PDB file of all heavy atoms in Angstrom:
ATOM      1  N   VAL A   1      -4.933  -3.807   6.155  1.00  0.00           N
ATOM      2  CA  VAL A   1      -4.411  -3.242   7.402  1.00  0.00           C
ATOM      3  C   VAL A   1      -5.425  -3.431   8.522  1.00  0.00           C
ATOM      4  O   VAL A   1      -5.104  -3.905   9.618  1.00  0.00           O
ATOM      5  CB  VAL A   1      -4.077  -1.744   7.220  1.00  0.00           C
ATOM      6  CG1 VAL A   1      -3.895  -1.055   8.571  1.00  0.00           C
ATOM      7  CG2 VAL A   1      -2.831  -1.583   6.372  1.00  0.00           C
ATOM      8  N   ARG A   2      -6.664  -3.057   8.250  1.00  0.00           N
ATOM      9  CA  ARG A   2      -7.728  -3.172   9.252  1.00  0.00           C
ATOM     10  C   ARG A   2      -7.917  -4.630   9.689  1.00  0.00           C
ATOM     11  O   ARG A   2      -8.221  -4.911  10.843  1.00  0.00           O
ATOM     12  CB  ARG A   2      -9.027  -2.623   8.677  1.00  0.00           C
ATOM     13  CG  ARG A   2     -10.192  -2.611   9.653  1.00  0.00           C
ATOM     14  CD  ARG A   2     -11.423  -2.063   8.962  1.00  0.00           C
ATOM     15  NE  ARG A   2     -11.256  -0.680   8.565  1.00  0.00           N
ATOM     16  CZ  ARG A   2     -11.798  -0.134   7.477  1.00  0.00           C
ATOM     17  NH1 ARG A   2     -12.533  -0.880   6.651  1.00  0.00           N
ATOM     18  NH2 ARG A   2     -11.610   1.130   7.200  1.00  0.00           N
ATOM     19  N   GLY A   3      -7.725  -5.548   8.751  1.00  0.00           N
ATOM     20  CA  GLY A   3      -7.888  -6.966   9.047  1.00  0.00           C
ATOM     21  C   GLY A   3      -6.660  -7.612   9.655  1.00  0.00           C
ATOM     22  O   GLY A   3      -6.616  -8.834   9.810  1.00  0.00           O
ATOM     23  N   SER A   4      -5.614  -6.798   9.968  1.00  0.00           N
ATOM     24  CA  SER A   4      -4.396  -7.287  10.629  1.00  0.00           C
ATOM     25  C   SER A   4      -3.680  -8.367   9.833  1.00  0.00           C
ATOM     26  O   SER A   4      -3.198  -9.352  10.379  1.00  0.00           O
ATOM     27  CB  SER A   4      -4.716  -7.788  12.048  1.00  0.00           C
ATOM     28  OG  SER A   4      -5.251  -6.751  12.843  1.00  0.00           O
ATOM     29  N   ASN A   5      -3.616  -8.183   8.506  1.00  0.00           N
ATOM     30  CA  ASN A   5      -2.888  -9.120   7.648  1.00  0.00           C
ATOM     31  C   ASN A   5      -1.702  -8.383   7.021  1.00  0.00           C
ATOM     32  O   ASN A   5      -1.847  -7.725   5.994  1.00  0.00           O
ATOM     33  CB  ASN A   5      -3.812  -9.673   6.552  1.00  0.00           C
ATOM     34  CG  ASN A   5      -3.173 -10.844   5.815  1.00  0.00           C
ATOM     35  OD1 ASN A   5      -2.005 -10.794   5.463  1.00  0.00           O
ATOM     36  ND2 ASN A   5      -3.939 -11.886   5.580  1.00  0.00           N
ATOM     37  N   PRO A   6      -0.518  -8.462   7.640  1.00  0.00           N
ATOM     38  CA  PRO A   6       0.620  -7.687   7.144  1.00  0.00           C
ATOM     39  C   PRO A   6       1.072  -8.085   5.740  1.00  0.00           C
ATOM     40  O   PRO A   6       1.502  -7.240   4.956  1.00  0.00           O
ATOM     41  CB  PRO A   6       1.716  -7.955   8.181  1.00  0.00           C
ATOM     42  CG  PRO A   6       1.314  -9.230   8.856  1.00  0.00           C
ATOM     43  CD  PRO A   6      -0.183  -9.239   8.842  1.00  0.00           C
ATOM     44  N   ASP A   7       0.983  -9.375   5.420  1.00  0.00           N
ATOM     45  CA  ASP A   7       1.428  -9.819   4.096  1.00  0.00           C
ATOM     46  C   ASP A   7       0.535  -9.252   2.990  1.00  0.00           C
ATOM     47  O   ASP A   7       1.026  -8.780   1.959  1.00  0.00           O
ATOM     48  CB  ASP A   7       1.446 -11.348   4.026  1.00  0.00           C
ATOM     49  CG  ASP A   7       2.481 -11.948   4.967  1.00  0.00           C
ATOM     50  OD1 ASP A   7       3.559 -11.344   5.095  1.00  0.00           O
ATOM     51  OD2 ASP A   7       2.205 -12.996   5.566  1.00  0.00           O
ATOM     52  N   ALA A   8      -0.782  -9.300   3.207  1.00  0.00           N
ATOM     53  CA  ALA A   8      -1.700  -8.758   2.201  1.00  0.00           C
ATOM     54  C   ALA A   8      -1.537  -7.247   2.094  1.00  0.00           C
ATOM     55  O   ALA A   8      -1.548  -6.684   0.992  1.00  0.00           O
ATOM     56  CB  ALA A   8      -3.145  -9.108   2.566  1.00  0.00           C
ATOM     57  N   ALA A   9      -1.366  -6.581   3.242  1.00  0.00           N
ATOM     58  CA  ALA A   9      -1.188  -5.124   3.221  1.00  0.00           C
ATOM     59  C   ALA A   9       0.065  -4.752   2.429  1.00  0.00           C
ATOM     60  O   ALA A   9       0.052  -3.823   1.608  1.00  0.00           O
ATOM     61  CB  ALA A   9      -1.103  -4.587   4.645  1.00  0.00           C
ATOM     62  N   LEU A  10       1.149  -5.489   2.657  1.00  0.00           N
ATOM     63  CA  LEU A  10       2.386  -5.210   1.937  1.00  0.00           C
ATOM     64  C   LEU A  10       2.230  -5.495   0.450  1.00  0.00           C
ATOM     65  O   LEU A  10       2.739  -4.743  -0.399  1.00  0.00           O
ATOM     66  CB  LEU A  10       3.520  -6.057   2.529  1.00  0.00           C
ATOM     67  CG  LEU A  10       4.935  -5.744   2.033  1.00  0.00           C
ATOM     68  CD1 LEU A  10       5.306  -4.301   2.357  1.00  0.00           C
ATOM     69  CD2 LEU A  10       5.936  -6.701   2.664  1.00  0.00           C
ATOM     70  N   TYR A  11       1.506  -6.560   0.119  1.00  0.00           N
ATOM     71  CA  TYR A  11       1.269  -6.896  -1.287  1.00  0.00           C
ATOM     72  C   TYR A  11       0.579  -5.744  -2.013  1.00  0.00           C
ATOM     73  O   TYR A  11       1.003  -5.333  -3.093  1.00  0.00           O
ATOM     74  CB  TYR A  11       0.419  -8.160  -1.384  1.00  0.00           C
ATOM     75  CG  TYR A  11      -0.119  -8.424  -2.778  1.00  0.00           C
ATOM     76  CD1 TYR A  11       0.685  -8.994  -3.765  1.00  0.00           C
ATOM     77  CD2 TYR A  11      -1.429  -8.081  -3.110  1.00  0.00           C
ATOM     78  CE1 TYR A  11       0.198  -9.225  -5.042  1.00  0.00           C
ATOM     79  CE2 TYR A  11      -1.925  -8.317  -4.383  1.00  0.00           C
ATOM     80  CZ  TYR A  11      -1.111  -8.884  -5.351  1.00  0.00           C
ATOM     81  OH  TYR A  11      -1.595  -9.083  -6.611  1.00  0.00           O
ATOM     82  N   TRP A  12      -0.512  -5.207  -1.418  1.00  0.00           N
ATOM     83  CA  TRP A  12      -1.258  -4.158  -2.102  1.00  0.00           C
ATOM     84  C   TRP A  12      -0.459  -2.860  -2.175  1.00  0.00           C
ATOM     85  O   TRP A  12      -0.530  -2.129  -3.180  1.00  0.00           O
ATOM     86  CB  TRP A  12      -2.608  -3.926  -1.419  1.00  0.00           C
ATOM     87  CG  TRP A  12      -3.557  -5.058  -1.637  1.00  0.00           C
ATOM     88  CD1 TRP A  12      -4.057  -5.913  -0.712  1.00  0.00           C
ATOM     89  CD2 TRP A  12      -4.102  -5.482  -2.901  1.00  0.00           C
ATOM     90  NE1 TRP A  12      -4.885  -6.847  -1.300  1.00  0.00           N
ATOM     91  CE2 TRP A  12      -4.931  -6.604  -2.642  1.00  0.00           C
ATOM     92  CE3 TRP A  12      -3.969  -5.024  -4.209  1.00  0.00           C
ATOM     93  CZ2 TRP A  12      -5.628  -7.268  -3.640  1.00  0.00           C
ATOM     94  CZ3 TRP A  12      -4.671  -5.687  -5.213  1.00  0.00           C
ATOM     95  CH2 TRP A  12      -5.477  -6.788  -4.939  1.00  0.00           C
ATOM     96  N   LEU A  13       0.332  -2.575  -1.149  1.00  0.00           N
ATOM     97  CA  LEU A  13       1.191  -1.387  -1.216  1.00  0.00           C
ATOM     98  C   LEU A  13       2.179  -1.502  -2.372  1.00  0.00           C
ATOM     99  O   LEU A  13       2.335  -0.571  -3.173  1.00  0.00           O
ATOM    100  CB  LEU A  13       1.944  -1.215   0.106  1.00  0.00           C
ATOM    101  CG  LEU A  13       2.971  -0.072   0.093  1.00  0.00           C
ATOM    102  CD1 LEU A  13       2.272   1.280   0.088  1.00  0.00           C
ATOM    103  CD2 LEU A  13       3.923  -0.181   1.277  1.00  0.00           C
ATOM    104  N   VAL A  14       2.832  -2.657  -2.470  1.00  0.00           N
ATOM    105  CA  VAL A  14       3.824  -2.848  -3.530  1.00  0.00           C
ATOM    106  C   VAL A  14       3.155  -2.870  -4.903  1.00  0.00           C
ATOM    107  O   VAL A  14       3.705  -2.352  -5.877  1.00  0.00           O
ATOM    108  CB  VAL A  14       4.634  -4.137  -3.279  1.00  0.00           C
ATOM    109  CG1 VAL A  14       5.560  -4.434  -4.456  1.00  0.00           C
ATOM    110  CG2 VAL A  14       5.450  -3.982  -1.991  1.00  0.00           C
ATOM    111  N   ARG A  15       1.964  -3.466  -4.992  1.00  0.00           N
ATOM    112  CA  ARG A  15       1.228  -3.439  -6.264  1.00  0.00           C
ATOM    113  C   ARG A  15       1.017  -2.006  -6.740  1.00  0.00           C
ATOM    114  O   ARG A  15       1.189  -1.684  -7.924  1.00  0.00           O
ATOM    115  CB  ARG A  15      -0.135  -4.121  -6.097  1.00  0.00           C
ATOM    116  CG  ARG A  15      -0.163  -5.611  -6.360  1.00  0.00           C
ATOM    117  CD  ARG A  15      -0.090  -5.965  -7.848  1.00  0.00           C
ATOM    118  NE  ARG A  15      -1.169  -5.387  -8.614  1.00  0.00           N
ATOM    119  CZ  ARG A  15      -2.362  -5.933  -8.758  1.00  0.00           C
ATOM    120  NH1 ARG A  15      -2.647  -7.063  -8.153  1.00  0.00           N
ATOM    121  NH2 ARG A  15      -3.282  -5.352  -9.509  1.00  0.00           N
ATOM    122  N   MET A  16       0.620  -1.135  -5.814  1.00  0.00           N
ATOM    123  CA  MET A  16       0.338   0.242  -6.188  1.00  0.00           C
ATOM    124  C   MET A  16       1.617   0.991  -6.547  1.00  0.00           C
ATOM    125  O   MET A  16       1.653   1.755  -7.513  1.00  0.00           O
ATOM    126  CB  MET A  16      -0.413   0.954  -5.069  1.00  0.00           C
ATOM    127  CG  MET A  16      -1.775   0.342  -4.774  1.00  0.00           C
ATOM    128  SD  MET A  16      -2.813   1.383  -3.751  1.00  0.00           S
ATOM    129  CE  MET A  16      -3.328   2.606  -4.958  1.00  0.00           C
ATOM    130  N   LEU A  17       2.676   0.759  -5.785  1.00  0.00           N
ATOM    131  CA  LEU A  17       3.953   1.397  -6.120  1.00  0.00           C
ATOM    132  C   LEU A  17       4.456   0.905  -7.472  1.00  0.00           C
ATOM    133  O   LEU A  17       4.934   1.694  -8.300  1.00  0.00           O
ATOM    134  CB  LEU A  17       4.979   1.095  -5.026  1.00  0.00           C
ATOM    135  CG  LEU A  17       4.750   1.775  -3.676  1.00  0.00           C
ATOM    136  CD1 LEU A  17       5.716   1.215  -2.637  1.00  0.00           C
ATOM    137  CD2 LEU A  17       4.912   3.287  -3.796  1.00  0.00           C
ATOM    138  N   ASP A  18       4.329  -0.396  -7.703  1.00  0.00           N
ATOM    139  CA  ASP A  18       4.757  -0.986  -8.973  1.00  0.00           C
ATOM    140  C   ASP A  18       3.953  -0.431 -10.141  1.00  0.00           C
ATOM    141  O   ASP A  18       4.457  -0.266 -11.251  1.00  0.00           O
ATOM    142  CB  ASP A  18       4.595  -2.508  -8.901  1.00  0.00           C
ATOM    143  CG  ASP A  18       4.998  -3.201 -10.195  1.00  0.00           C
ATOM    144  OD1 ASP A  18       6.178  -3.117 -10.556  1.00  0.00           O
ATOM    145  OD2 ASP A  18       4.128  -3.816 -10.841  1.00  0.00           O
ATOM    146  N   GLY A  19       2.683  -0.108  -9.872  1.00  0.00           N
ATOM    147  CA  GLY A  19       1.822   0.398 -10.930  1.00  0.00           C
ATOM    148  C   GLY A  19       1.946   1.890 -11.166  1.00  0.00           C
ATOM    149  O   GLY A  19       1.322   2.421 -12.078  1.00  0.00           O
ATOM    150  N   GLY A  20       2.728   2.590 -10.352  1.00  0.00           N
ATOM    151  CA  GLY A  20       2.943   4.009 -10.604  1.00  0.00           C
ATOM    152  C   GLY A  20       2.189   4.957  -9.700  1.00  0.00           C
ATOM    153  O   GLY A  20       2.118   6.152  -9.962  1.00  0.00           O
ATOM    154  N   ALA A  21       1.610   4.431  -8.602  1.00  0.00           N
ATOM    155  CA  ALA A  21       0.915   5.328  -7.679  1.00  0.00           C
ATOM    156  C   ALA A  21       1.903   6.288  -7.037  1.00  0.00           C
ATOM    157  O   ALA A  21       3.067   5.949  -6.800  1.00  0.00           O
ATOM    158  CB  ALA A  21       0.210   4.513  -6.595  1.00  0.00           C
ATOM    159  N   ASP A  22       1.438   7.496  -6.752  1.00  0.00           N
ATOM    160  CA  ASP A  22       2.284   8.509  -6.122  1.00  0.00           C
ATOM    161  C   ASP A  22       2.541   8.096  -4.673  1.00  0.00           C
ATOM    162  O   ASP A  22       1.605   8.022  -3.872  1.00  0.00           O
ATOM    163  CB  ASP A  22       1.571   9.861  -6.172  1.00  0.00           C
ATOM    164  CG  ASP A  22       2.404  10.980  -5.576  1.00  0.00           C
ATOM    165  OD1 ASP A  22       3.513  10.707  -5.070  1.00  0.00           O
ATOM    166  OD2 ASP A  22       1.954  12.144  -5.621  1.00  0.00           O
ATOM    167  N   PRO A  23       3.792   7.846  -4.278  1.00  0.00           N
ATOM    168  CA  PRO A  23       4.062   7.445  -2.886  1.00  0.00           C
ATOM    169  C   PRO A  23       3.610   8.480  -1.866  1.00  0.00           C
ATOM    170  O   PRO A  23       3.274   8.124  -0.740  1.00  0.00           O
ATOM    171  CB  PRO A  23       5.589   7.277  -2.866  1.00  0.00           C
ATOM    172  CG  PRO A  23       5.955   6.978  -4.293  1.00  0.00           C
ATOM    173  CD  PRO A  23       5.007   7.806  -5.111  1.00  0.00           C
ATOM    174  N   ARG A  24       3.581   9.754  -2.251  1.00  0.00           N
ATOM    175  CA  ARG A  24       3.126  10.787  -1.311  1.00  0.00           C
ATOM    176  C   ARG A  24       1.638  10.621  -1.022  1.00  0.00           C
ATOM    177  O   ARG A  24       1.189  10.831   0.111  1.00  0.00           O
ATOM    178  CB  ARG A  24       3.415  12.183  -1.863  1.00  0.00           C
ATOM    179  CG  ARG A  24       4.903  12.513  -1.928  1.00  0.00           C
ATOM    180  CD  ARG A  24       5.155  13.886  -2.541  1.00  0.00           C
ATOM    181  NE  ARG A  24       6.573  14.190  -2.564  1.00  0.00           N
ATOM    182  CZ  ARG A  24       7.409  13.787  -3.508  1.00  0.00           C
ATOM    183  NH1 ARG A  24       6.945  13.044  -4.525  1.00  0.00           N
ATOM    184  NH2 ARG A  24       8.688  14.090  -3.461  1.00  0.00           N
ATOM    185  N   TYR A  25       0.881  10.261  -2.035  1.00  0.00           N
ATOM    186  CA  TYR A  25      -0.535   9.977  -1.815  1.00  0.00           C
ATOM    187  C   TYR A  25      -0.688   8.786  -0.885  1.00  0.00           C
ATOM    188  O   TYR A  25      -1.499   8.797   0.057  1.00  0.00           O
ATOM    189  CB  TYR A  25      -1.236   9.706  -3.144  1.00  0.00           C
ATOM    190  CG  TYR A  25      -2.652   9.190  -2.974  1.00  0.00           C
ATOM    191  CD1 TYR A  25      -3.701  10.075  -2.734  1.00  0.00           C
ATOM    192  CD2 TYR A  25      -2.926   7.833  -3.016  1.00  0.00           C
ATOM    193  CE1 TYR A  25      -4.995   9.599  -2.550  1.00  0.00           C
ATOM    194  CE2 TYR A  25      -4.211   7.354  -2.831  1.00  0.00           C
ATOM    195  CZ  TYR A  25      -5.240   8.240  -2.604  1.00  0.00           C
ATOM    196  OH  TYR A  25      -6.514   7.772  -2.415  1.00  0.00           O
ATOM    197  N   LEU A  26       0.096   7.737  -1.126  1.00  0.00           N
ATOM    198  CA  LEU A  26       0.024   6.555  -0.277  1.00  0.00           C
ATOM    199  C   LEU A  26       0.414   6.901   1.156  1.00  0.00           C
ATOM    200  O   LEU A  26      -0.187   6.391   2.106  1.00  0.00           O
ATOM    201  CB  LEU A  26       0.939   5.464  -0.830  1.00  0.00           C
ATOM    202  CG  LEU A  26       0.507   4.876  -2.180  1.00  0.00           C
ATOM    203  CD1 LEU A  26       1.572   3.913  -2.700  1.00  0.00           C
ATOM    204  CD2 LEU A  26      -0.824   4.157  -2.066  1.00  0.00           C
ATOM    205  N   ALA A  27       1.412   7.771   1.320  1.00  0.00           N
ATOM    206  CA  ALA A  27       1.826   8.182   2.661  1.00  0.00           C
ATOM    207  C   ALA A  27       0.670   8.862   3.390  1.00  0.00           C
ATOM    208  O   ALA A  27       0.428   8.609   4.583  1.00  0.00           O
ATOM    209  CB  ALA A  27       3.036   9.108   2.584  1.00  0.00           C
ATOM    210  N   ARG A  28      -0.057   9.724   2.683  1.00  0.00           N
ATOM    211  CA  ARG A  28      -1.201  10.399   3.309  1.00  0.00           C
ATOM    212  C   ARG A  28      -2.267   9.392   3.731  1.00  0.00           C
ATOM    213  O   ARG A  28      -2.852   9.497   4.814  1.00  0.00           O
ATOM    214  CB  ARG A  28      -1.808  11.427   2.341  1.00  0.00           C
ATOM    215  CG  ARG A  28      -0.901  12.608   2.053  1.00  0.00           C
ATOM    216  CD  ARG A  28      -1.672  13.748   1.423  1.00  0.00           C
ATOM    217  NE  ARG A  28      -2.267  13.412   0.143  1.00  0.00           N
ATOM    218  CZ  ARG A  28      -1.651  13.525  -1.023  1.00  0.00           C
ATOM    219  NH1 ARG A  28      -0.388  13.951  -1.073  1.00  0.00           N
ATOM    220  NH2 ARG A  28      -2.268  13.226  -2.152  1.00  0.00           N
ATOM    221  N   ARG A  29      -2.523   8.417   2.870  1.00  0.00           N
ATOM    222  CA  ARG A  29      -3.534   7.420   3.203  1.00  0.00           C
ATOM    223  C   ARG A  29      -3.087   6.545   4.379  1.00  0.00           C
ATOM    224  O   ARG A  29      -3.895   6.131   5.201  1.00  0.00           O
ATOM    225  CB  ARG A  29      -3.835   6.542   1.980  1.00  0.00           C
ATOM    226  CG  ARG A  29      -4.569   7.256   0.870  1.00  0.00           C
ATOM    227  CD  ARG A  29      -5.914   7.783   1.334  1.00  0.00           C
ATOM    228  NE  ARG A  29      -6.805   6.728   1.767  1.00  0.00           N
ATOM    229  CZ  ARG A  29      -7.822   6.246   1.056  1.00  0.00           C
ATOM    230  NH1 ARG A  29      -8.084   6.750  -0.134  1.00  0.00           N
ATOM    231  NH2 ARG A  29      -8.591   5.291   1.524  1.00  0.00           N
ATOM    232  N   ILE A  30      -1.794   6.261   4.459  1.00  0.00           N
ATOM    233  CA  ILE A  30      -1.268   5.449   5.555  1.00  0.00           C
ATOM    234  C   ILE A  30      -1.440   6.185   6.881  1.00  0.00           C
ATOM    235  O   ILE A  30      -1.832   5.597   7.900  1.00  0.00           O
ATOM    236  CB  ILE A  30       0.209   5.091   5.291  1.00  0.00           C
ATOM    237  CG1 ILE A  30       0.295   4.074   4.129  1.00  0.00           C
ATOM    238  CG2 ILE A  30       0.879   4.540   6.531  1.00  0.00           C
ATOM    239  CD1 ILE A  30       1.687   3.886   3.575  1.00  0.00           C
TER     240      ILE A  30
END
């Protein structure tokens, strides 16, 4: 995100969701 790369940012978000990360935690970090 900081590096302004939307594709990489989306990749890591989906990786974490796919792996079982709590979306509420991700929302707080976002």
